[in-house]
């Protein structure tokens, strides 16, 4: 068995001698206080994480719109009005 001990850790021989020389009452070893690591994500990072989980193409929407276009029911006055309002709101 080697007498080499990692830095910062007392060997069993030196720990035993410390306990023997300092015994005046019950032996109490205090646990080292350790800080707790935390991670906080900004709301922008959380949003980007959710966006990254989205599929690249919403195939269900593409298929539905394609079918509506083929049937001639996609272009309704309400959709034109919504598109025009959205276009005007950008400027």
PDB file of N, CA and C in Angstrom:
ATOM      1  N   UNK A   1       0.836  -1.167   0.000  1.00  0.00           N
ATOM      2  CA  UNK A   1       0.000   0.000   0.000  1.00  0.00           C
ATOM      3  C   UNK A   1       0.888   1.239   0.000  1.00  0.00           C
ATOM      4  N   UNK A   2       0.522   2.220  -0.777  1.00  0.00           N
ATOM      5  CA  UNK A   2       1.319   3.422  -0.936  1.00  0.00           C
ATOM      6  C   UNK A   2       0.980   4.449   0.134  1.00  0.00           C
ATOM      7  N   UNK A   3       1.957   5.240   0.528  1.00  0.00           N
ATOM      8  CA  UNK A   3       1.740   6.319   1.496  1.00  0.00           C
ATOM      9  C   UNK A   3       1.406   7.631   0.798  1.00  0.00           C
ATOM     10  N   UNK A   4       1.275   7.601  -0.509  1.00  0.00           N
ATOM     11  CA  UNK A   4       0.972   8.810  -1.262  1.00  0.00           C
ATOM     12  C   UNK A   4      -0.526   9.091  -1.180  1.00  0.00           C
ATOM     13  N   UNK A   5      -0.855  10.307  -0.808  1.00  0.00           N
ATOM     14  CA  UNK A   5      -2.253  10.707  -0.632  1.00  0.00           C
ATOM     15  C   UNK A   5      -2.529  11.892  -1.557  1.00  0.00           C
ATOM     16  N   UNK A   6      -3.683  11.945  -2.197  1.00  0.00           N
ATOM     17  CA  UNK A   6      -4.001  13.086  -3.050  1.00  0.00           C
ATOM     18  C   UNK A   6      -3.917  14.400  -2.271  1.00  0.00           C
ATOM     19  N   UNK A   7      -3.544  15.449  -2.974  1.00  0.00           N
ATOM     20  CA  UNK A   7      -3.407  16.767  -2.354  1.00  0.00           C
ATOM     21  C   UNK A   7      -4.737  17.173  -1.742  1.00  0.00           C
ATOM     22  N   UNK A   8      -4.680  17.719  -0.542  1.00  0.00           N
ATOM     23  CA  UNK A   8      -5.878  18.206   0.126  1.00  0.00           C
ATOM     24  C   UNK A   8      -6.585  17.159   0.948  1.00  0.00           C
ATOM     25  N   UNK A   9      -6.159  15.915   0.908  1.00  0.00           N
ATOM     26  CA  UNK A   9      -6.782  14.865   1.694  1.00  0.00           C
ATOM     27  C   UNK A   9      -5.744  14.332   2.685  1.00  0.00           C
ATOM     28  N   UNK A  10      -6.052  14.349   3.963  1.00  0.00           N
ATOM     29  CA  UNK A  10      -5.098  13.835   4.936  1.00  0.00           C
ATOM     30  C   UNK A  10      -5.009  12.314   4.844  1.00  0.00           C
ATOM     31  N   UNK A  11      -3.842  11.797   5.120  1.00  0.00           N
ATOM     32  CA  UNK A  11      -3.693  10.341   5.140  1.00  0.00           C
ATOM     33  C   UNK A  11      -4.379   9.797   6.383  1.00  0.00           C
ATOM     34  N   UNK A  12      -4.665   8.514   6.368  1.00  0.00           N
ATOM     35  CA  UNK A  12      -5.333   7.918   7.525  1.00  0.00           C
ATOM     36  C   UNK A  12      -4.455   8.020   8.767  1.00  0.00           C
ATOM     37  N   UNK A  13      -3.129   7.959   8.604  1.00  0.00           N
ATOM     38  CA  UNK A  13      -2.231   8.072   9.755  1.00  0.00           C
ATOM     39  C   UNK A  13      -2.284   9.477  10.336  1.00  0.00           C
ATOM     40  N   UNK A  14      -2.254  10.507   9.477  1.00  0.00           N
ATOM     41  CA  UNK A  14      -2.272  11.873  10.008  1.00  0.00           C
ATOM     42  C   UNK A  14      -3.642  12.213  10.566  1.00  0.00           C
ATOM     43  N   UNK A  15      -4.741  11.682   9.978  1.00  0.00           N
ATOM     44  CA  UNK A  15      -6.073  11.924  10.508  1.00  0.00           C
ATOM     45  C   UNK A  15      -6.204  11.285  11.883  1.00  0.00           C
ATOM     46  N   UNK A  16      -5.681  10.069  12.020  1.00  0.00           N
ATOM     47  CA  UNK A  16      -5.737   9.395  13.318  1.00  0.00           C
ATOM     48  C   UNK A  16      -4.951  10.142  14.372  1.00  0.00           C
ATOM     49  N   UNK A  17      -3.773  10.669  13.987  1.00  0.00           N
ATOM     50  CA  UNK A  17      -2.991  11.396  14.971  1.00  0.00           C
ATOM     51  C   UNK A  17      -3.658  12.716  15.331  1.00  0.00           C
ATOM     52  N   UNK A  18      -4.347  13.361  14.370  1.00  0.00           N
ATOM     53  CA  UNK A  18      -5.050  14.612  14.694  1.00  0.00           C
ATOM     54  C   UNK A  18      -6.182  14.340  15.662  1.00  0.00           C
ATOM     55  N   UNK A  19      -6.903  13.234  15.453  1.00  0.00           N
ATOM     56  CA  UNK A  19      -8.015  12.919  16.337  1.00  0.00           C
ATOM     57  C   UNK A  19      -7.516  12.557  17.735  1.00  0.00           C
ATOM     58  N   UNK A  20      -6.379  11.880  17.806  1.00  0.00           N
ATOM     59  CA  UNK A  20      -5.849  11.485  19.110  1.00  0.00           C
ATOM     60  C   UNK A  20      -5.335  12.691  19.880  1.00  0.00           C
ATOM     61  N   UNK A  21      -4.693  13.622  19.217  1.00  0.00           N
ATOM     62  CA  UNK A  21      -4.119  14.753  19.939  1.00  0.00           C
ATOM     63  C   UNK A  21      -5.155  15.796  20.290  1.00  0.00           C
ATOM     64  N   UNK A  22      -6.260  15.856  19.562  1.00  0.00           N
ATOM     65  CA  UNK A  22      -7.257  16.882  19.819  1.00  0.00           C
ATOM     66  C   UNK A  22      -8.463  16.350  20.570  1.00  0.00           C
ATOM     67  N   UNK A  23      -8.432  15.139  21.065  1.00  0.00           N
ATOM     68  CA  UNK A  23      -9.595  14.568  21.738  1.00  0.00           C
ATOM     69  C   UNK A  23      -9.744  15.165  23.120  1.00  0.00           C
ATOM     70  N   UNK A  24     -10.758  15.977  23.238  1.00  0.00           N
ATOM     71  CA  UNK A  24     -11.115  16.498  24.551  1.00  0.00           C
ATOM     72  C   UNK A  24     -12.562  16.195  24.830  1.00  0.00           C
ATOM     73  N   UNK A  25     -13.270  15.760  23.830  1.00  0.00           N
ATOM     74  CA  UNK A  25     -14.688  15.431  23.946  1.00  0.00           C
ATOM     75  C   UNK A  25     -15.053  14.563  22.753  1.00  0.00           C
ATOM     76  N   UNK A  26     -16.334  14.486  22.462  1.00  0.00           N
ATOM     77  CA  UNK A  26     -16.748  13.685  21.310  1.00  0.00           C
ATOM     78  C   UNK A  26     -16.158  14.250  20.013  1.00  0.00           C
ATOM     79  N   UNK A  27     -15.774  13.352  19.146  1.00  0.00           N
ATOM     80  CA  UNK A  27     -15.181  13.757  17.876  1.00  0.00           C
ATOM     81  C   UNK A  27     -16.303  14.164  16.930  1.00  0.00           C
ATOM     82  N   UNK A  28     -16.191  15.392  16.405  1.00  0.00           N
ATOM     83  CA  UNK A  28     -17.189  15.874  15.460  1.00  0.00           C
ATOM     84  C   UNK A  28     -16.461  16.382  14.218  1.00  0.00           C
ATOM     85  N   UNK A  29     -16.751  15.774  13.122  1.00  0.00           N
ATOM     86  CA  UNK A  29     -16.184  16.217  11.859  1.00  0.00           C
ATOM     87  C   UNK A  29     -17.275  16.970  11.111  1.00  0.00           C
ATOM     88  N   UNK A  30     -16.991  18.219  10.753  1.00  0.00           N
ATOM     89  CA  UNK A  30     -17.978  19.015  10.038  1.00  0.00           C
ATOM     90  C   UNK A  30     -17.860  18.750   8.544  1.00  0.00           C
ATOM     91  N   UNK A  31     -18.994  18.612   7.910  1.00  0.00           N
ATOM     92  CA  UNK A  31     -19.013  18.415   6.461  1.00  0.00           C
ATOM     93  C   UNK A  31     -18.646  19.725   5.783  1.00  0.00           C
ATOM     94  N   UNK A  32     -17.879  19.613   4.750  1.00  0.00           N
ATOM     95  CA  UNK A  32     -17.483  20.808   4.007  1.00  0.00           C
ATOM     96  C   UNK A  32     -18.718  21.402   3.336  1.00  0.00           C
ATOM     97  N   UNK A  33     -18.859  22.688   3.418  1.00  0.00           N
ATOM     98  CA  UNK A  33     -19.969  23.391   2.785  1.00  0.00           C
ATOM     99  C   UNK A  33     -19.682  23.498   1.294  1.00  0.00           C
ATOM    100  N   UNK A  34     -20.605  23.025   0.494  1.00  0.00           N
ATOM    101  CA  UNK A  34     -20.412  23.064  -0.952  1.00  0.00           C
ATOM    102  C   UNK A  34     -21.487  23.941  -1.576  1.00  0.00           C
ATOM    103  N   UNK A  35     -21.073  24.718  -2.537  1.00  0.00           N
ATOM    104  CA  UNK A  35     -22.048  25.524  -3.247  1.00  0.00           C
ATOM    105  C   UNK A  35     -22.775  24.653  -4.260  1.00  0.00           C
ATOM    106  N   UNK A  36     -23.954  25.061  -4.632  1.00  0.00           N
ATOM    107  CA  UNK A  36     -24.769  24.317  -5.574  1.00  0.00           C
ATOM    108  C   UNK A  36     -24.732  25.041  -6.911  1.00  0.00           C
ATOM    109  N   UNK A  37     -24.453  24.303  -7.969  1.00  0.00           N
ATOM    110  CA  UNK A  37     -24.449  24.888  -9.302  1.00  0.00           C
ATOM    111  C   UNK A  37     -25.875  25.055  -9.792  1.00  0.00           C
ATOM    112  N   UNK A  38     -26.133  26.185 -10.469  1.00  0.00           N
ATOM    113  CA  UNK A  38     -27.450  26.444 -11.038  1.00  0.00           C
ATOM    114  C   UNK A  38     -27.279  26.962 -12.456  1.00  0.00           C
ATOM    115  N   UNK A  39     -28.270  26.705 -13.253  1.00  0.00           N
ATOM    116  CA  UNK A  39     -28.290  27.221 -14.616  1.00  0.00           C
ATOM    117  C   UNK A  39     -29.596  27.972 -14.792  1.00  0.00           C
ATOM    118  N   UNK A  40     -29.503  29.210 -15.248  1.00  0.00           N
ATOM    119  CA  UNK A  40     -30.693  29.990 -15.533  1.00  0.00           C
ATOM    120  C   UNK A  40     -30.696  30.335 -17.007  1.00  0.00           C
ATOM    121  N   UNK A  41     -31.787  29.997 -17.686  1.00  0.00           N
ATOM    122  CA  UNK A  41     -31.904  30.267 -19.109  1.00  0.00           C
ATOM    123  C   UNK A  41     -32.808  31.473 -19.318  1.00  0.00           C
ATOM    124  N   UNK A  42     -32.376  32.378 -20.157  1.00  0.00           N
ATOM    125  CA  UNK A  42     -33.195  33.551 -20.454  1.00  0.00           C
ATOM    126  C   UNK A  42     -34.439  33.107 -21.210  1.00  0.00           C
ATOM    127  N   UNK A  43     -35.437  33.979 -21.246  1.00  0.00           N
ATOM    128  CA  UNK A  43     -36.661  33.640 -21.969  1.00  0.00           C
ATOM    129  C   UNK A  43     -36.360  33.489 -23.457  1.00  0.00           C
ATOM    130  N   UNK A  44     -35.407  34.261 -23.972  1.00  0.00           N
ATOM    131  CA  UNK A  44     -35.034  34.131 -25.385  1.00  0.00           C
ATOM    132  C   UNK A  44     -34.417  32.762 -25.644  1.00  0.00           C
ATOM    133  N   UNK A  45     -33.575  32.288 -24.743  1.00  0.00           N
ATOM    134  CA  UNK A  45     -32.957  30.969 -24.899  1.00  0.00           C
ATOM    135  C   UNK A  45     -34.012  29.873 -24.822  1.00  0.00           C
ATOM    136  N   UNK A  46     -34.995  30.036 -23.943  1.00  0.00           N
ATOM    137  CA  UNK A  46     -36.061  29.050 -23.834  1.00  0.00           C
ATOM    138  C   UNK A  46     -36.893  29.020 -25.114  1.00  0.00           C
ATOM    139  N   UNK A  47     -37.174  30.197 -25.684  1.00  0.00           N
ATOM    140  CA  UNK A  47     -37.932  30.270 -26.926  1.00  0.00           C
ATOM    141  C   UNK A  47     -37.157  29.619 -28.074  1.00  0.00           C
ATOM    142  N   UNK A  48     -35.861  29.915 -28.147  1.00  0.00           N
ATOM    143  CA  UNK A  48     -35.036  29.309 -29.198  1.00  0.00           C
ATOM    144  C   UNK A  48     -34.997  27.792 -29.067  1.00  0.00           C
ATOM    145  N   UNK A  49     -34.989  27.312 -27.844  1.00  0.00           N
ATOM    146  CA  UNK A  49     -34.994  25.869 -27.617  1.00  0.00           C
ATOM    147  C   UNK A  49     -36.285  25.244 -28.139  1.00  0.00           C
ATOM    148  N   UNK A  50     -37.418  25.914 -27.891  1.00  0.00           N
ATOM    149  CA  UNK A  50     -38.696  25.408 -28.382  1.00  0.00           C
ATOM    150  C   UNK A  50     -38.751  25.450 -29.905  1.00  0.00           C
ATOM    151  N   UNK A  51     -38.228  26.527 -30.488  1.00  0.00           N
ATOM    152  CA  UNK A  51     -38.216  26.654 -31.945  1.00  0.00           C
ATOM    153  C   UNK A  51     -37.364  25.552 -32.571  1.00  0.00           C
ATOM    154  N   UNK A  52     -36.244  25.251 -31.925  1.00  0.00           N
ATOM    155  CA  UNK A  52     -35.347  24.213 -32.457  1.00  0.00           C
ATOM    156  C   UNK A  52     -36.017  22.842 -32.477  1.00  0.00           C
ATOM    157  N   UNK A  53     -37.015  22.641 -31.619  1.00  0.00           N
ATOM    158  CA  UNK A  53     -37.701  21.349 -31.554  1.00  0.00           C
ATOM    159  C   UNK A  53     -38.787  21.214 -32.626  1.00  0.00           C
ATOM    160  N   UNK A  54     -39.167  22.329 -33.274  1.00  0.00           N
ATOM    161  CA  UNK A  54     -40.200  22.276 -34.298  1.00  0.00           C
ATOM    162  C   UNK A  54     -39.672  21.584 -35.549  1.00  0.00           C
ATOM    163  N   UNK A  55     -40.551  20.892 -36.256  1.00  0.00           N
ATOM    164  CA  UNK A  55     -40.104  20.276 -37.513  1.00  0.00           C
ATOM    165  C   UNK A  55     -39.803  21.364 -38.538  1.00  0.00           C
ATOM    166  N   UNK A  56     -38.912  21.056 -39.472  1.00  0.00           N
ATOM    167  CA  UNK A  56     -38.548  22.029 -40.498  1.00  0.00           C
ATOM    168  C   UNK A  56     -39.734  22.377 -41.385  1.00  0.00           C
ATOM    169  N   UNK A  57     -40.560  21.408 -41.698  1.00  0.00           N
ATOM    170  CA  UNK A  57     -41.717  21.609 -42.564  1.00  0.00           C
ATOM    171  C   UNK A  57     -42.943  21.048 -41.859  1.00  0.00           C
ATOM    172  N   UNK A  58     -43.983  21.866 -41.808  1.00  0.00           N
ATOM    173  CA  UNK A  58     -45.248  21.374 -41.247  1.00  0.00           C
ATOM    174  C   UNK A  58     -46.004  20.697 -42.382  1.00  0.00           C
ATOM    175  N   UNK A  59     -45.674  19.457 -42.600  1.00  0.00           N
ATOM    176  CA  UNK A  59     -46.194  18.722 -43.751  1.00  0.00           C
ATOM    177  C   UNK A  59     -47.712  18.657 -43.737  1.00  0.00           C
ATOM    178  N   UNK A  60     -48.321  18.545 -42.563  1.00  0.00           N
ATOM    179  CA  UNK A  60     -49.775  18.481 -42.502  1.00  0.00           C
ATOM    180  C   UNK A  60     -50.410  19.757 -43.052  1.00  0.00           C
ATOM    181  N   UNK A  61     -49.826  20.904 -42.742  1.00  0.00           N
ATOM    182  CA  UNK A  61     -50.341  22.170 -43.255  1.00  0.00           C
ATOM    183  C   UNK A  61     -50.123  22.285 -44.760  1.00  0.00           C
ATOM    184  N   UNK A  62     -48.944  21.893 -45.210  1.00  0.00           N
ATOM    185  CA  UNK A  62     -48.639  21.931 -46.644  1.00  0.00           C
ATOM    186  C   UNK A  62     -49.630  21.065 -47.409  1.00  0.00           C
ATOM    187  N   UNK A  63     -49.889  19.867 -46.926  1.00  0.00           N
ATOM    188  CA  UNK A  63     -50.813  18.955 -47.592  1.00  0.00           C
ATOM    189  C   UNK A  63     -52.232  19.526 -47.621  1.00  0.00           C
ATOM    190  N   UNK A  64     -52.675  20.110 -46.504  1.00  0.00           N
ATOM    191  CA  UNK A  64     -54.032  20.668 -46.437  1.00  0.00           C
ATOM    192  C   UNK A  64     -54.193  21.825 -47.409  1.00  0.00           C
ATOM    193  N   UNK A  65     -53.226  22.750 -47.411  1.00  0.00           N
ATOM    194  CA  UNK A  65     -53.306  23.906 -48.305  1.00  0.00           C
ATOM    195  C   UNK A  65     -53.235  23.463 -49.760  1.00  0.00           C
ATOM    196  N   UNK A  66     -52.376  22.513 -50.060  1.00  0.00           N
ATOM    197  CA  UNK A  66     -52.262  22.016 -51.427  1.00  0.00           C
ATOM    198  C   UNK A  66     -53.588  21.419 -51.900  1.00  0.00           C
ATOM    199  N   UNK A  67     -54.233  20.663 -51.032  1.00  0.00           N
ATOM    200  CA  UNK A  67     -55.531  20.067 -51.371  1.00  0.00           C
ATOM    201  C   UNK A  67     -56.579  21.163 -51.578  1.00  0.00           C
ATOM    202  N   UNK A  68     -56.597  22.175 -50.706  1.00  0.00           N
ATOM    203  CA  UNK A  68     -57.563  23.269 -50.842  1.00  0.00           C
ATOM    204  C   UNK A  68     -57.339  24.037 -52.142  1.00  0.00           C
ATOM    205  N   UNK A  69     -56.093  24.243 -52.519  1.00  0.00           N
ATOM    206  CA  UNK A  69     -55.790  24.937 -53.780  1.00  0.00           C
ATOM    207  C   UNK A  69     -56.290  24.107 -54.960  1.00  0.00           C
ATOM    208  N   UNK A  70     -56.034  22.797 -54.931  1.00  0.00           N
ATOM    209  CA  UNK A  70     -56.474  21.912 -56.016  1.00  0.00           C
ATOM    210  C   UNK A  70     -57.995  21.898 -56.143  1.00  0.00           C
ATOM    211  N   UNK A  71     -58.690  21.999 -54.995  1.00  0.00           N
ATOM    212  CA  UNK A  71     -60.154  21.985 -55.016  1.00  0.00           C
ATOM    213  C   UNK A  71     -60.735  23.366 -55.301  1.00  0.00           C
ATOM    214  N   UNK A  72     -59.885  24.398 -55.298  1.00  0.00           N
ATOM    215  CA  UNK A  72     -60.347  25.762 -55.568  1.00  0.00           C
ATOM    216  C   UNK A  72     -61.045  26.415 -54.396  1.00  0.00           C
ATOM    217  N   UNK A  73     -60.820  25.930 -53.189  1.00  0.00           N
ATOM    218  CA  UNK A  73     -61.487  26.509 -52.014  1.00  0.00           C
ATOM    219  C   UNK A  73     -60.527  27.262 -51.098  1.00  0.00           C
ATOM    220  N   UNK A  74     -59.260  27.360 -51.503  1.00  0.00           N
ATOM    221  CA  UNK A  74     -58.283  28.023 -50.627  1.00  0.00           C
ATOM    222  C   UNK A  74     -58.446  29.528 -50.659  1.00  0.00           C
ATOM    223  N   UNK A  75     -58.667  30.095 -51.808  1.00  0.00           N
ATOM    224  CA  UNK A  75     -58.735  31.549 -51.948  1.00  0.00           C
ATOM    225  C   UNK A  75     -60.134  32.046 -51.614  1.00  0.00           C
ATOM    226  N   UNK A  76     -60.319  32.418 -50.351  1.00  0.00           N
ATOM    227  CA  UNK A  76     -61.604  32.956 -49.915  1.00  0.00           C
ATOM    228  C   UNK A  76     -61.438  34.450 -49.637  1.00  0.00           C
ATOM    229  N   UNK A  77     -62.521  35.217 -49.686  1.00  0.00           N
ATOM    230  CA  UNK A  77     -62.426  36.656 -49.383  1.00  0.00           C
ATOM    231  C   UNK A  77     -61.849  36.929 -47.986  1.00  0.00           C
ATOM    232  N   UNK A  78     -62.173  36.089 -47.037  1.00  0.00           N
ATOM    233  CA  UNK A  78     -61.647  36.281 -45.678  1.00  0.00           C
ATOM    234  C   UNK A  78     -60.125  36.124 -45.654  1.00  0.00           C
ATOM    235  N   UNK A  79     -59.621  35.170 -46.395  1.00  0.00           N
ATOM    236  CA  UNK A  79     -58.174  34.953 -46.427  1.00  0.00           C
ATOM    237  C   UNK A  79     -57.469  36.098 -47.136  1.00  0.00           C
ATOM    238  N   UNK A  80     -58.089  36.635 -48.206  1.00  0.00           N
ATOM    239  CA  UNK A  80     -57.507  37.796 -48.862  1.00  0.00           C
ATOM    240  C   UNK A  80     -57.471  38.984 -47.912  1.00  0.00           C
ATOM    241  N   UNK A  81     -58.548  39.197 -47.181  1.00  0.00           N
ATOM    242  CA  UNK A  81     -58.625  40.306 -46.237  1.00  0.00           C
ATOM    243  C   UNK A  81     -57.577  40.165 -45.136  1.00  0.00           C
ATOM    244  N   UNK A  82     -57.425  38.973 -44.611  1.00  0.00           N
ATOM    245  CA  UNK A  82     -56.423  38.712 -43.573  1.00  0.00           C
ATOM    246  C   UNK A  82     -55.018  38.951 -44.102  1.00  0.00           C
ATOM    247  N   UNK A  83     -54.759  38.502 -45.319  1.00  0.00           N
ATOM    248  CA  UNK A  83     -53.436  38.686 -45.922  1.00  0.00           C
ATOM    249  C   UNK A  83     -53.142  40.169 -46.160  1.00  0.00           C
ATOM    250  N   UNK A  84     -54.138  40.896 -46.644  1.00  0.00           N
ATOM    251  CA  UNK A  84     -53.956  42.336 -46.895  1.00  0.00           C
ATOM    252  C   UNK A  84     -53.719  43.074 -45.583  1.00  0.00           C
ATOM    253  N   UNK A  85     -54.496  42.753 -44.544  1.00  0.00           N
ATOM    254  CA  UNK A  85     -54.319  43.392 -43.237  1.00  0.00           C
ATOM    255  C   UNK A  85     -52.924  43.110 -42.669  1.00  0.00           C
ATOM    256  N   UNK A  86     -52.457  41.872 -42.804  1.00  0.00           N
ATOM    257  CA  UNK A  86     -51.120  41.522 -42.313  1.00  0.00           C
ATOM    258  C   UNK A  86     -50.043  42.253 -43.101  1.00  0.00           C
ATOM    259  N   UNK A  87     -50.247  42.389 -44.403  1.00  0.00           N
ATOM    260  CA  UNK A  87     -49.291  43.092 -45.246  1.00  0.00           C
ATOM    261  C   UNK A  87     -49.220  44.577 -44.860  1.00  0.00           C
ATOM    262  N   UNK A  88     -50.362  45.191 -44.656  1.00  0.00           N
ATOM    263  CA  UNK A  88     -50.407  46.622 -44.278  1.00  0.00           C
ATOM    264  C   UNK A  88     -49.795  46.820 -42.888  1.00  0.00           C
ATOM    265  N   UNK A  89     -50.003  45.884 -41.968  1.00  0.00           N
ATOM    266  CA  UNK A  89     -49.485  46.010 -40.606  1.00  0.00           C
ATOM    267  C   UNK A  89     -47.963  45.976 -40.570  1.00  0.00           C
ATOM    268  N   UNK A  90     -47.343  45.393 -41.593  1.00  0.00           N
ATOM    269  CA  UNK A  90     -45.881  45.332 -41.631  1.00  0.00           C
ATOM    270  C   UNK A  90     -45.258  46.685 -41.914  1.00  0.00           C
ATOM    271  N   UNK A  91     -46.013  47.604 -42.502  1.00  0.00           N
ATOM    272  CA  UNK A  91     -45.473  48.906 -42.873  1.00  0.00           C
ATOM    273  C   UNK A  91     -45.985  49.989 -42.025  1.00  0.00           C
TER     274      UNK A  91
END
